[in-house]
């Protein structure tokens, strides 16, 4: 089992949620909305490329559009391997937290 970092989980889940609309700007917005974490574009695209290299994400290049000055959007999609990694990450989290009561967070020490 390969363990995903929390950063990888956040990006993979954002891509999965966005479905066919998962491109850089939207991924960044989604992450910010869900986590209050704002990634620089350099960090975001570097991380996305790492996910592509690991086989967790595939990317496709969209059509050029006039509103983007003829530039193309790069769309991302979670691969089968990425979904397997997310499933394993969730199972690991569940195992780690199994038997730990929620009240541990309300106890004062």
PDB file of N, CA and C in Angstrom:
ATOM      1  N   UNK A   1       0.847  -1.175   0.000  1.00  0.00           N
ATOM      2  CA  UNK A   1       0.000   0.000   0.000  1.00  0.00           C
ATOM      3  C   UNK A   1       0.895   1.241   0.000  1.00  0.00           C
ATOM      4  N   UNK A   2       0.606   2.174  -0.916  1.00  0.00           N
ATOM      5  CA  UNK A   2       1.290   3.456  -0.924  1.00  0.00           C
ATOM      6  C   UNK A   2       0.439   4.436  -0.143  1.00  0.00           C
ATOM      7  N   UNK A   3       1.050   5.132   0.794  1.00  0.00           N
ATOM      8  CA  UNK A   3       0.314   6.062   1.644  1.00  0.00           C
ATOM      9  C   UNK A   3       0.314   7.440   0.996  1.00  0.00           C
ATOM     10  N   UNK A   4      -0.875   7.986   0.792  1.00  0.00           N
ATOM     11  CA  UNK A   4      -1.018   9.325   0.248  1.00  0.00           C
ATOM     12  C   UNK A   4      -0.798  10.363   1.334  1.00  0.00           C
ATOM     13  N   UNK A   5      -0.157  11.458   0.981  1.00  0.00           N
ATOM     14  CA  UNK A   5      -0.061  12.572   1.916  1.00  0.00           C
ATOM     15  C   UNK A   5      -1.425  13.259   1.971  1.00  0.00           C
ATOM     16  N   UNK A   6      -1.637  14.057   2.991  1.00  0.00           N
ATOM     17  CA  UNK A   6      -2.900  14.787   3.091  1.00  0.00           C
ATOM     18  C   UNK A   6      -3.035  15.738   1.905  1.00  0.00           C
ATOM     19  N   UNK A   7      -1.932  16.317   1.480  1.00  0.00           N
ATOM     20  CA  UNK A   7      -1.903  17.219   0.326  1.00  0.00           C
ATOM     21  C   UNK A   7      -2.380  16.483  -0.926  1.00  0.00           C
ATOM     22  N   UNK A   8      -1.889  15.264  -1.139  1.00  0.00           N
ATOM     23  CA  UNK A   8      -2.317  14.464  -2.292  1.00  0.00           C
ATOM     24  C   UNK A   8      -3.802  14.114  -2.196  1.00  0.00           C
ATOM     25  N   UNK A   9      -4.255  13.771  -0.997  1.00  0.00           N
ATOM     26  CA  UNK A   9      -5.670  13.438  -0.816  1.00  0.00           C
ATOM     27  C   UNK A   9      -6.556  14.642  -1.141  1.00  0.00           C
ATOM     28  N   UNK A  10      -6.161  15.813  -0.675  1.00  0.00           N
ATOM     29  CA  UNK A  10      -6.942  17.024  -0.920  1.00  0.00           C
ATOM     30  C   UNK A  10      -7.066  17.278  -2.418  1.00  0.00           C
ATOM     31  N   UNK A  11      -5.956  17.186  -3.141  1.00  0.00           N
ATOM     32  CA  UNK A  11      -5.986  17.443  -4.581  1.00  0.00           C
ATOM     33  C   UNK A  11      -6.784  16.381  -5.329  1.00  0.00           C
ATOM     34  N   UNK A  12      -6.567  15.122  -4.992  1.00  0.00           N
ATOM     35  CA  UNK A  12      -7.303  14.052  -5.669  1.00  0.00           C
ATOM     36  C   UNK A  12      -8.812  14.183  -5.444  1.00  0.00           C
ATOM     37  N   UNK A  13      -9.202  14.501  -4.235  1.00  0.00           N
ATOM     38  CA  UNK A  13     -10.634  14.655  -3.948  1.00  0.00           C
ATOM     39  C   UNK A  13     -11.216  15.876  -4.642  1.00  0.00           C
ATOM     40  N   UNK A  14     -10.448  16.950  -4.731  1.00  0.00           N
ATOM     41  CA  UNK A  14     -10.931  18.136  -5.454  1.00  0.00           C
ATOM     42  C   UNK A  14     -11.128  17.802  -6.931  1.00  0.00           C
ATOM     43  N   UNK A  15     -10.190  17.101  -7.519  1.00  0.00           N
ATOM     44  CA  UNK A  15     -10.306  16.709  -8.928  1.00  0.00           C
ATOM     45  C   UNK A  15     -11.514  15.812  -9.121  1.00  0.00           C
ATOM     46  N   UNK A  16     -11.688  14.852  -8.237  1.00  0.00           N
ATOM     47  CA  UNK A  16     -12.827  13.934  -8.341  1.00  0.00           C
ATOM     48  C   UNK A  16     -14.148  14.704  -8.250  1.00  0.00           C
ATOM     49  N   UNK A  17     -14.236  15.644  -7.314  1.00  0.00           N
ATOM     50  CA  UNK A  17     -15.472  16.412  -7.140  1.00  0.00           C
ATOM     51  C   UNK A  17     -15.789  17.270  -8.362  1.00  0.00           C
ATOM     52  N   UNK A  18     -14.762  17.819  -8.988  1.00  0.00           N
ATOM     53  CA  UNK A  18     -14.964  18.716 -10.127  1.00  0.00           C
ATOM     54  C   UNK A  18     -15.293  17.986 -11.423  1.00  0.00           C
ATOM     55  N   UNK A  19     -15.040  16.703 -11.455  1.00  0.00           N
ATOM     56  CA  UNK A  19     -15.328  15.875 -12.640  1.00  0.00           C
ATOM     57  C   UNK A  19     -14.710  16.474 -13.907  1.00  0.00           C
ATOM     58  N   UNK A  20     -15.528  16.789 -14.911  1.00  0.00           N
ATOM     59  CA  UNK A  20     -15.039  17.289 -16.201  1.00  0.00           C
ATOM     60  C   UNK A  20     -14.596  18.746 -16.152  1.00  0.00           C
ATOM     61  N   UNK A  21     -14.726  19.387 -15.019  1.00  0.00           N
ATOM     62  CA  UNK A  21     -14.356  20.799 -14.889  1.00  0.00           C
ATOM     63  C   UNK A  21     -13.086  20.960 -14.046  1.00  0.00           C
ATOM     64  N   UNK A  22     -12.277  19.905 -13.964  1.00  0.00           N
ATOM     65  CA  UNK A  22     -11.084  19.920 -13.118  1.00  0.00           C
ATOM     66  C   UNK A  22      -9.872  20.433 -13.891  1.00  0.00           C
ATOM     67  N   UNK A  23      -9.689  21.739 -13.850  1.00  0.00           N
ATOM     68  CA  UNK A  23      -8.497  22.355 -14.418  1.00  0.00           C
ATOM     69  C   UNK A  23      -7.910  23.261 -13.335  1.00  0.00           C
ATOM     70  N   UNK A  24      -6.706  23.737 -13.538  1.00  0.00           N
ATOM     71  CA  UNK A  24      -5.944  24.409 -12.495  1.00  0.00           C
ATOM     72  C   UNK A  24      -6.675  25.434 -11.657  1.00  0.00           C
ATOM     73  N   UNK A  25      -7.260  26.428 -12.294  1.00  0.00           N
ATOM     74  CA  UNK A  25      -7.924  27.502 -11.551  1.00  0.00           C
ATOM     75  C   UNK A  25      -9.069  26.951 -10.712  1.00  0.00           C
ATOM     76  N   UNK A  26      -9.887  26.078 -11.282  1.00  0.00           N
ATOM     77  CA  UNK A  26     -11.020  25.513 -10.545  1.00  0.00           C
ATOM     78  C   UNK A  26     -10.541  24.602  -9.411  1.00  0.00           C
ATOM     79  N   UNK A  27      -9.490  23.832  -9.636  1.00  0.00           N
ATOM     80  CA  UNK A  27      -8.961  22.977  -8.571  1.00  0.00           C
ATOM     81  C   UNK A  27      -8.500  23.843  -7.410  1.00  0.00           C
ATOM     82  N   UNK A  28      -7.774  24.900  -7.723  1.00  0.00           N
ATOM     83  CA  UNK A  28      -7.279  25.823  -6.694  1.00  0.00           C
ATOM     84  C   UNK A  28      -8.440  26.432  -5.918  1.00  0.00           C
ATOM     85  N   UNK A  29      -9.483  26.870  -6.621  1.00  0.00           N
ATOM     86  CA  UNK A  29     -10.665  27.453  -5.968  1.00  0.00           C
ATOM     87  C   UNK A  29     -11.360  26.426  -5.076  1.00  0.00           C
ATOM     88  N   UNK A  30     -11.507  25.219  -5.574  1.00  0.00           N
ATOM     89  CA  UNK A  30     -12.179  24.163  -4.817  1.00  0.00           C
ATOM     90  C   UNK A  30     -11.423  23.855  -3.529  1.00  0.00           C
ATOM     91  N   UNK A  31     -10.112  23.741  -3.627  1.00  0.00           N
ATOM     92  CA  UNK A  31      -9.297  23.459  -2.439  1.00  0.00           C
ATOM     93  C   UNK A  31      -9.438  24.597  -1.428  1.00  0.00           C
ATOM     94  N   UNK A  32      -9.393  25.831  -1.901  1.00  0.00           N
ATOM     95  CA  UNK A  32      -9.520  26.982  -1.004  1.00  0.00           C
ATOM     96  C   UNK A  32     -10.881  26.992  -0.313  1.00  0.00           C
ATOM     97  N   UNK A  33     -11.938  26.680  -1.063  1.00  0.00           N
ATOM     98  CA  UNK A  33     -13.284  26.663  -0.490  1.00  0.00           C
ATOM     99  C   UNK A  33     -13.446  25.562   0.549  1.00  0.00           C
ATOM    100  N   UNK A  34     -12.887  24.401   0.272  1.00  0.00           N
ATOM    101  CA  UNK A  34     -13.059  23.244   1.159  1.00  0.00           C
ATOM    102  C   UNK A  34     -12.137  23.269   2.374  1.00  0.00           C
ATOM    103  N   UNK A  35     -10.939  23.847   2.223  1.00  0.00           N
ATOM    104  CA  UNK A  35      -9.934  23.716   3.280  1.00  0.00           C
ATOM    105  C   UNK A  35      -9.393  25.030   3.824  1.00  0.00           C
ATOM    106  N   UNK A  36      -9.733  26.145   3.198  1.00  0.00           N
ATOM    107  CA  UNK A  36      -9.148  27.453   3.525  1.00  0.00           C
ATOM    108  C   UNK A  36      -7.648  27.490   3.257  1.00  0.00           C
ATOM    109  N   UNK A  37      -7.145  26.565   2.475  1.00  0.00           N
ATOM    110  CA  UNK A  37      -5.734  26.547   2.084  1.00  0.00           C
ATOM    111  C   UNK A  37      -5.639  27.087   0.658  1.00  0.00           C
ATOM    112  N   UNK A  38      -4.785  28.080   0.460  1.00  0.00           N
ATOM    113  CA  UNK A  38      -4.620  28.657  -0.875  1.00  0.00           C
ATOM    114  C   UNK A  38      -3.227  28.287  -1.377  1.00  0.00           C
ATOM    115  N   UNK A  39      -3.210  27.460  -2.411  1.00  0.00           N
ATOM    116  CA  UNK A  39      -1.953  27.056  -3.016  1.00  0.00           C
ATOM    117  C   UNK A  39      -1.520  28.084  -4.051  1.00  0.00           C
ATOM    118  N   UNK A  40      -0.219  28.361  -4.114  1.00  0.00           N
ATOM    119  CA  UNK A  40       0.274  29.162  -5.223  1.00  0.00           C
ATOM    120  C   UNK A  40       0.133  28.309  -6.481  1.00  0.00           C
ATOM    121  N   UNK A  41       0.085  28.965  -7.629  1.00  0.00           N
ATOM    122  CA  UNK A  41      -0.044  28.197  -8.863  1.00  0.00           C
ATOM    123  C   UNK A  41       1.181  27.315  -9.086  1.00  0.00           C
ATOM    124  N   UNK A  42       2.353  27.788  -8.689  1.00  0.00           N
ATOM    125  CA  UNK A  42       3.557  26.976  -8.830  1.00  0.00           C
ATOM    126  C   UNK A  42       3.473  25.690  -8.028  1.00  0.00           C
ATOM    127  N   UNK A  43       3.028  25.803  -6.784  1.00  0.00           N
ATOM    128  CA  UNK A  43       2.863  24.619  -5.929  1.00  0.00           C
ATOM    129  C   UNK A  43       1.782  23.697  -6.487  1.00  0.00           C
ATOM    130  N   UNK A  44       0.678  24.285  -6.921  1.00  0.00           N
ATOM    131  CA  UNK A  44      -0.425  23.491  -7.448  1.00  0.00           C
ATOM    132  C   UNK A  44       0.005  22.683  -8.668  1.00  0.00           C
ATOM    133  N   UNK A  45       0.581  23.356  -9.663  1.00  0.00           N
ATOM    134  CA  UNK A  45       0.932  22.644 -10.892  1.00  0.00           C
ATOM    135  C   UNK A  45       2.071  21.654 -10.678  1.00  0.00           C
ATOM    136  N   UNK A  46       2.983  21.971  -9.791  1.00  0.00           N
ATOM    137  CA  UNK A  46       4.049  21.018  -9.453  1.00  0.00           C
ATOM    138  C   UNK A  46       3.449  19.765  -8.813  1.00  0.00           C
ATOM    139  N   UNK A  47       2.510  19.962  -7.906  1.00  0.00           N
ATOM    140  CA  UNK A  47       1.853  18.832  -7.233  1.00  0.00           C
ATOM    141  C   UNK A  47       1.028  18.013  -8.213  1.00  0.00           C
ATOM    142  N   UNK A  48       0.330  18.684  -9.121  1.00  0.00           N
ATOM    143  CA  UNK A  48      -0.462  17.969 -10.125  1.00  0.00           C
ATOM    144  C   UNK A  48       0.445  17.132 -11.021  1.00  0.00           C
ATOM    145  N   UNK A  49       1.585  17.670 -11.398  1.00  0.00           N
ATOM    146  CA  UNK A  49       2.528  16.910 -12.230  1.00  0.00           C
ATOM    147  C   UNK A  49       3.050  15.679 -11.483  1.00  0.00           C
ATOM    148  N   UNK A  50       3.281  15.811 -10.183  1.00  0.00           N
ATOM    149  CA  UNK A  50       3.723  14.660  -9.385  1.00  0.00           C
ATOM    150  C   UNK A  50       2.641  13.582  -9.357  1.00  0.00           C
ATOM    151  N   UNK A  51       1.386  13.997  -9.242  1.00  0.00           N
ATOM    152  CA  UNK A  51       0.286  13.030  -9.253  1.00  0.00           C
ATOM    153  C   UNK A  51       0.187  12.340 -10.608  1.00  0.00           C
ATOM    154  N   UNK A  52       0.457  13.080 -11.680  1.00  0.00           N
ATOM    155  CA  UNK A  52       0.471  12.480 -13.014  1.00  0.00           C
ATOM    156  C   UNK A  52       1.602  11.458 -13.099  1.00  0.00           C
ATOM    157  N   UNK A  53       2.792  11.825 -12.637  1.00  0.00           N
ATOM    158  CA  UNK A  53       3.954  10.923 -12.685  1.00  0.00           C
ATOM    159  C   UNK A  53       3.714   9.649 -11.878  1.00  0.00           C
ATOM    160  N   UNK A  54       3.009   9.778 -10.774  1.00  0.00           N
ATOM    161  CA  UNK A  54       2.718   8.614  -9.933  1.00  0.00           C
ATOM    162  C   UNK A  54       1.604   7.754 -10.517  1.00  0.00           C
ATOM    163  N   UNK A  55       0.914   8.259 -11.525  1.00  0.00           N
ATOM    164  CA  UNK A  55      -0.163   7.507 -12.156  1.00  0.00           C
ATOM    165  C   UNK A  55      -1.512   7.664 -11.483  1.00  0.00           C
ATOM    166  N   UNK A  56      -1.628   8.590 -10.545  1.00  0.00           N
ATOM    167  CA  UNK A  56      -2.888   8.805  -9.835  1.00  0.00           C
ATOM    168  C   UNK A  56      -3.846   9.717 -10.597  1.00  0.00           C
ATOM    169  N   UNK A  57      -3.291  10.480 -11.547  1.00  0.00           N
ATOM    170  CA  UNK A  57      -4.064  11.457 -12.291  1.00  0.00           C
ATOM    171  C   UNK A  57      -3.645  11.399 -13.752  1.00  0.00           C
ATOM    172  N   UNK A  58      -4.610  11.568 -14.634  1.00  0.00           N
ATOM    173  CA  UNK A  58      -4.296  11.733 -16.059  1.00  0.00           C
ATOM    174  C   UNK A  58      -4.650  13.166 -16.435  1.00  0.00           C
ATOM    175  N   UNK A  59      -4.048  13.638 -17.511  1.00  0.00           N
ATOM    176  CA  UNK A  59      -4.376  14.995 -17.946  1.00  0.00           C
ATOM    177  C   UNK A  59      -4.612  15.007 -19.445  1.00  0.00           C
ATOM    178  N   UNK A  60      -5.518  15.891 -19.850  1.00  0.00           N
ATOM    179  CA  UNK A  60      -5.803  16.092 -21.259  1.00  0.00           C
ATOM    180  C   UNK A  60      -5.810  17.591 -21.527  1.00  0.00           C
ATOM    181  N   UNK A  61      -5.475  17.939 -22.744  1.00  0.00           N
ATOM    182  CA  UNK A  61      -5.429  19.349 -23.120  1.00  0.00           C
ATOM    183  C   UNK A  61      -6.697  19.684 -23.889  1.00  0.00           C
ATOM    184  N   UNK A  62      -7.377  20.726 -23.423  1.00  0.00           N
ATOM    185  CA  UNK A  62      -8.615  21.162 -24.055  1.00  0.00           C
ATOM    186  C   UNK A  62      -8.344  22.028 -25.273  1.00  0.00           C
ATOM    187  N   UNK A  63      -9.421  22.476 -25.871  1.00  0.00           N
ATOM    188  CA  UNK A  63      -9.334  23.334 -27.052  1.00  0.00           C
ATOM    189  C   UNK A  63      -8.921  24.755 -26.652  1.00  0.00           C
ATOM    190  N   UNK A  64      -8.254  25.436 -27.555  1.00  0.00           N
ATOM    191  CA  UNK A  64      -7.898  26.832 -27.343  1.00  0.00           C
ATOM    192  C   UNK A  64      -9.172  27.676 -27.369  1.00  0.00           C
ATOM    193  N   UNK A  65      -9.222  28.679 -26.505  1.00  0.00           N
ATOM    194  CA  UNK A  65     -10.398  29.550 -26.469  1.00  0.00           C
ATOM    195  C   UNK A  65      -9.960  31.008 -26.572  1.00  0.00           C
ATOM    196  N   UNK A  66     -10.807  31.827 -27.182  1.00  0.00           N
ATOM    197  CA  UNK A  66     -10.510  33.249 -27.353  1.00  0.00           C
ATOM    198  C   UNK A  66     -10.410  33.964 -26.002  1.00  0.00           C
ATOM    199  N   UNK A  67     -11.280  33.588 -25.062  1.00  0.00           N
ATOM    200  CA  UNK A  67     -11.268  34.258 -23.756  1.00  0.00           C
ATOM    201  C   UNK A  67      -9.969  34.021 -22.991  1.00  0.00           C
ATOM    202  N   UNK A  68      -9.225  33.003 -23.352  1.00  0.00           N
ATOM    203  CA  UNK A  68      -7.935  32.717 -22.711  1.00  0.00           C
ATOM    204  C   UNK A  68      -6.779  33.131 -23.610  1.00  0.00           C
ATOM    205  N   UNK A  69      -7.069  33.977 -24.594  1.00  0.00           N
ATOM    206  CA  UNK A  69      -6.011  34.440 -25.479  1.00  0.00           C
ATOM    207  C   UNK A  69      -5.438  33.324 -26.339  1.00  0.00           C
ATOM    208  N   UNK A  70      -6.263  32.336 -26.649  1.00  0.00           N
ATOM    209  CA  UNK A  70      -5.827  31.219 -27.479  1.00  0.00           C
ATOM    210  C   UNK A  70      -5.135  30.103 -26.711  1.00  0.00           C
ATOM    211  N   UNK A  71      -4.998  30.284 -25.408  1.00  0.00           N
ATOM    212  CA  UNK A  71      -4.363  29.238 -24.597  1.00  0.00           C
ATOM    213  C   UNK A  71      -5.356  28.119 -24.316  1.00  0.00           C
ATOM    214  N   UNK A  72      -4.827  26.954 -24.069  1.00  0.00           N
ATOM    215  CA  UNK A  72      -5.660  25.781 -23.793  1.00  0.00           C
ATOM    216  C   UNK A  72      -5.661  25.468 -22.300  1.00  0.00           C
ATOM    217  N   UNK A  73      -6.772  24.951 -21.818  1.00  0.00           N
ATOM    218  CA  UNK A  73      -6.854  24.478 -20.434  1.00  0.00           C
ATOM    219  C   UNK A  73      -6.335  23.048 -20.389  1.00  0.00           C
ATOM    220  N   UNK A  74      -5.705  22.717 -19.271  1.00  0.00           N
ATOM    221  CA  UNK A  74      -5.290  21.333 -19.026  1.00  0.00           C
ATOM    222  C   UNK A  74      -6.265  20.771 -18.001  1.00  0.00           C
ATOM    223  N   UNK A  75      -6.953  19.717 -18.387  1.00  0.00           N
ATOM    224  CA  UNK A  75      -7.938  19.075 -17.521  1.00  0.00           C
ATOM    225  C   UNK A  75      -7.335  17.838 -16.870  1.00  0.00           C
ATOM    226  N   UNK A  76      -7.704  17.621 -15.620  1.00  0.00           N
ATOM    227  CA  UNK A  76      -7.185  16.495 -14.846  1.00  0.00           C
ATOM    228  C   UNK A  76      -8.320  15.549 -14.492  1.00  0.00           C
ATOM    229  N   UNK A  77      -7.985  14.267 -14.385  1.00  0.00           N
ATOM    230  CA  UNK A  77      -8.962  13.247 -14.047  1.00  0.00           C
ATOM    231  C   UNK A  77      -8.282  12.219 -13.143  1.00  0.00           C
ATOM    232  N   UNK A  78      -8.963  11.798 -12.096  1.00  0.00           N
ATOM    233  CA  UNK A  78      -8.406  10.782 -11.198  1.00  0.00           C
ATOM    234  C   UNK A  78      -8.427   9.444 -11.926  1.00  0.00           C
ATOM    235  N   UNK A  79      -7.283   8.775 -11.954  1.00  0.00           N
ATOM    236  CA  UNK A  79      -7.163   7.475 -12.620  1.00  0.00           C
ATOM    237  C   UNK A  79      -7.671   6.355 -11.712  1.00  0.00           C
ATOM    238  N   UNK A  80      -7.722   5.165 -12.262  1.00  0.00           N
ATOM    239  CA  UNK A  80      -8.102   3.991 -11.478  1.00  0.00           C
ATOM    240  C   UNK A  80      -7.135   3.817 -10.303  1.00  0.00           C
ATOM    241  N   UNK A  81      -5.839   4.012 -10.564  1.00  0.00           N
ATOM    242  CA  UNK A  81      -4.827   3.901  -9.512  1.00  0.00           C
ATOM    243  C   UNK A  81      -5.034   4.966  -8.437  1.00  0.00           C
ATOM    244  N   UNK A  82      -5.436   6.158  -8.874  1.00  0.00           N
ATOM    245  CA  UNK A  82      -5.713   7.229  -7.927  1.00  0.00           C
ATOM    246  C   UNK A  82      -6.905   6.916  -7.052  1.00  0.00           C
ATOM    247  N   UNK A  83      -7.943   6.328  -7.639  1.00  0.00           N
ATOM    248  CA  UNK A  83      -9.117   5.950  -6.854  1.00  0.00           C
ATOM    249  C   UNK A  83      -8.767   4.854  -5.853  1.00  0.00           C
ATOM    250  N   UNK A  84      -7.935   3.907  -6.275  1.00  0.00           N
ATOM    251  CA  UNK A  84      -7.490   2.848  -5.362  1.00  0.00           C
ATOM    252  C   UNK A  84      -6.697   3.449  -4.207  1.00  0.00           C
ATOM    253  N   UNK A  85      -5.819   4.391  -4.515  1.00  0.00           N
ATOM    254  CA  UNK A  85      -5.016   5.040  -3.471  1.00  0.00           C
ATOM    255  C   UNK A  85      -5.907   5.810  -2.503  1.00  0.00           C
ATOM    256  N   UNK A  86      -6.930   6.488  -3.018  1.00  0.00           N
ATOM    257  CA  UNK A  86      -7.865   7.202  -2.138  1.00  0.00           C
ATOM    258  C   UNK A  86      -8.635   6.244  -1.241  1.00  0.00           C
ATOM    259  N   UNK A  87      -9.064   5.136  -1.820  1.00  0.00           N
ATOM    260  CA  UNK A  87      -9.795   4.130  -1.034  1.00  0.00           C
ATOM    261  C   UNK A  87      -8.908   3.604   0.099  1.00  0.00           C
ATOM    262  N   UNK A  88      -7.654   3.311  -0.222  1.00  0.00           N
ATOM    263  CA  UNK A  88      -6.725   2.807   0.797  1.00  0.00           C
ATOM    264  C   UNK A  88      -6.444   3.868   1.859  1.00  0.00           C
ATOM    265  N   UNK A  89      -6.367   5.132   1.441  1.00  0.00           N
ATOM    266  CA  UNK A  89      -6.137   6.214   2.396  1.00  0.00           C
ATOM    267  C   UNK A  89      -7.306   6.335   3.364  1.00  0.00           C
ATOM    268  N   UNK A  90      -8.509   6.218   2.837  1.00  0.00           N
ATOM    269  CA  UNK A  90      -9.706   6.286   3.700  1.00  0.00           C
ATOM    270  C   UNK A  90      -9.748   5.100   4.658  1.00  0.00           C
ATOM    271  N   UNK A  91      -9.441   3.923   4.160  1.00  0.00           N
ATOM    272  CA  UNK A  91      -9.422   2.737   5.024  1.00  0.00           C
ATOM    273  C   UNK A  91      -8.364   2.875   6.119  1.00  0.00           C
ATOM    274  N   UNK A  92      -7.199   3.424   5.778  1.00  0.00           N
ATOM    275  CA  UNK A  92      -6.148   3.637   6.770  1.00  0.00           C
ATOM    276  C   UNK A  92      -6.610   4.625   7.839  1.00  0.00           C
ATOM    277  N   UNK A  93      -7.231   5.724   7.416  1.00  0.00           N
ATOM    278  CA  UNK A  93      -7.759   6.698   8.375  1.00  0.00           C
ATOM    279  C   UNK A  93      -8.773   6.044   9.307  1.00  0.00           C
ATOM    280  N   UNK A  94      -9.685   5.259   8.742  1.00  0.00           N
ATOM    281  CA  UNK A  94     -10.697   4.585   9.559  1.00  0.00           C
ATOM    282  C   UNK A  94     -10.045   3.640  10.560  1.00  0.00           C
ATOM    283  N   UNK A  95      -9.027   2.894  10.115  1.00  0.00           N
ATOM    284  CA  UNK A  95      -8.321   1.968  11.006  1.00  0.00           C
ATOM    285  C   UNK A  95      -7.616   2.718  12.134  1.00  0.00           C
ATOM    286  N   UNK A  96      -6.945   3.803  11.783  1.00  0.00           N
ATOM    287  CA  UNK A  96      -6.211   4.575  12.787  1.00  0.00           C
ATOM    288  C   UNK A  96      -7.135   5.180  13.837  1.00  0.00           C
ATOM    289  N   UNK A  97      -8.319   5.623  13.406  1.00  0.00           N
ATOM    290  CA  UNK A  97      -9.249   6.266  14.325  1.00  0.00           C
ATOM    291  C   UNK A  97     -10.211   5.289  14.995  1.00  0.00           C
ATOM    292  N   UNK A  98     -10.204   4.034  14.596  1.00  0.00           N
ATOM    293  CA  UNK A  98     -11.100   3.044  15.168  1.00  0.00           C
ATOM    294  C   UNK A  98     -10.881   2.934  16.678  1.00  0.00           C
ATOM    295  N   UNK A  99     -11.938   3.066  17.415  1.00  0.00           N
ATOM    296  CA  UNK A  99     -11.876   2.917  18.867  1.00  0.00           C
ATOM    297  C   UNK A  99     -11.475   4.178  19.608  1.00  0.00           C
ATOM    298  N   UNK A 100     -11.158   5.234  18.889  1.00  0.00           N
ATOM    299  CA  UNK A 100     -10.804   6.493  19.546  1.00  0.00           C
ATOM    300  C   UNK A 100     -12.088   7.314  19.682  1.00  0.00           C
ATOM    301  N   UNK A 101     -12.526   7.568  20.884  1.00  0.00           N
ATOM    302  CA  UNK A 101     -13.784   8.301  21.061  1.00  0.00           C
ATOM    303  C   UNK A 101     -13.626   9.779  20.732  1.00  0.00           C
ATOM    304  N   UNK A 102     -14.703  10.364  20.231  1.00  0.00           N
ATOM    305  CA  UNK A 102     -14.711  11.785  19.905  1.00  0.00           C
ATOM    306  C   UNK A 102     -14.450  12.651  21.138  1.00  0.00           C
ATOM    307  N   UNK A 103     -14.777  12.120  22.301  1.00  0.00           N
ATOM    308  CA  UNK A 103     -14.647  12.945  23.509  1.00  0.00           C
ATOM    309  C   UNK A 103     -13.200  13.247  23.879  1.00  0.00           C
ATOM    310  N   UNK A 104     -12.228  12.578  23.257  1.00  0.00           N
ATOM    311  CA  UNK A 104     -10.842  12.895  23.587  1.00  0.00           C
ATOM    312  C   UNK A 104     -10.513  14.352  23.242  1.00  0.00           C
ATOM    313  N   UNK A 105     -11.254  14.929  22.329  1.00  0.00           N
ATOM    314  CA  UNK A 105     -10.995  16.306  21.936  1.00  0.00           C
ATOM    315  C   UNK A 105     -11.607  17.312  22.896  1.00  0.00           C
ATOM    316  N   UNK A 106     -12.534  16.865  23.710  1.00  0.00           N
ATOM    317  CA  UNK A 106     -13.168  17.784  24.676  1.00  0.00           C
ATOM    318  C   UNK A 106     -12.537  17.682  26.052  1.00  0.00           C
ATOM    319  N   UNK A 107     -11.677  16.707  26.245  1.00  0.00           N
ATOM    320  CA  UNK A 107     -11.020  16.540  27.544  1.00  0.00           C
ATOM    321  C   UNK A 107      -9.938  17.590  27.713  1.00  0.00           C
ATOM    322  N   UNK A 108      -9.891  18.182  28.897  1.00  0.00           N
ATOM    323  CA  UNK A 108      -8.834  19.142  29.200  1.00  0.00           C
ATOM    324  C   UNK A 108      -7.730  18.422  29.934  1.00  0.00           C
ATOM    325  N   UNK A 109      -6.526  18.830  29.617  1.00  0.00           N
ATOM    326  CA  UNK A 109      -5.370  18.195  30.277  1.00  0.00           C
ATOM    327  C   UNK A 109      -4.628  19.199  31.097  1.00  0.00           C
TER     328      UNK A 109
END
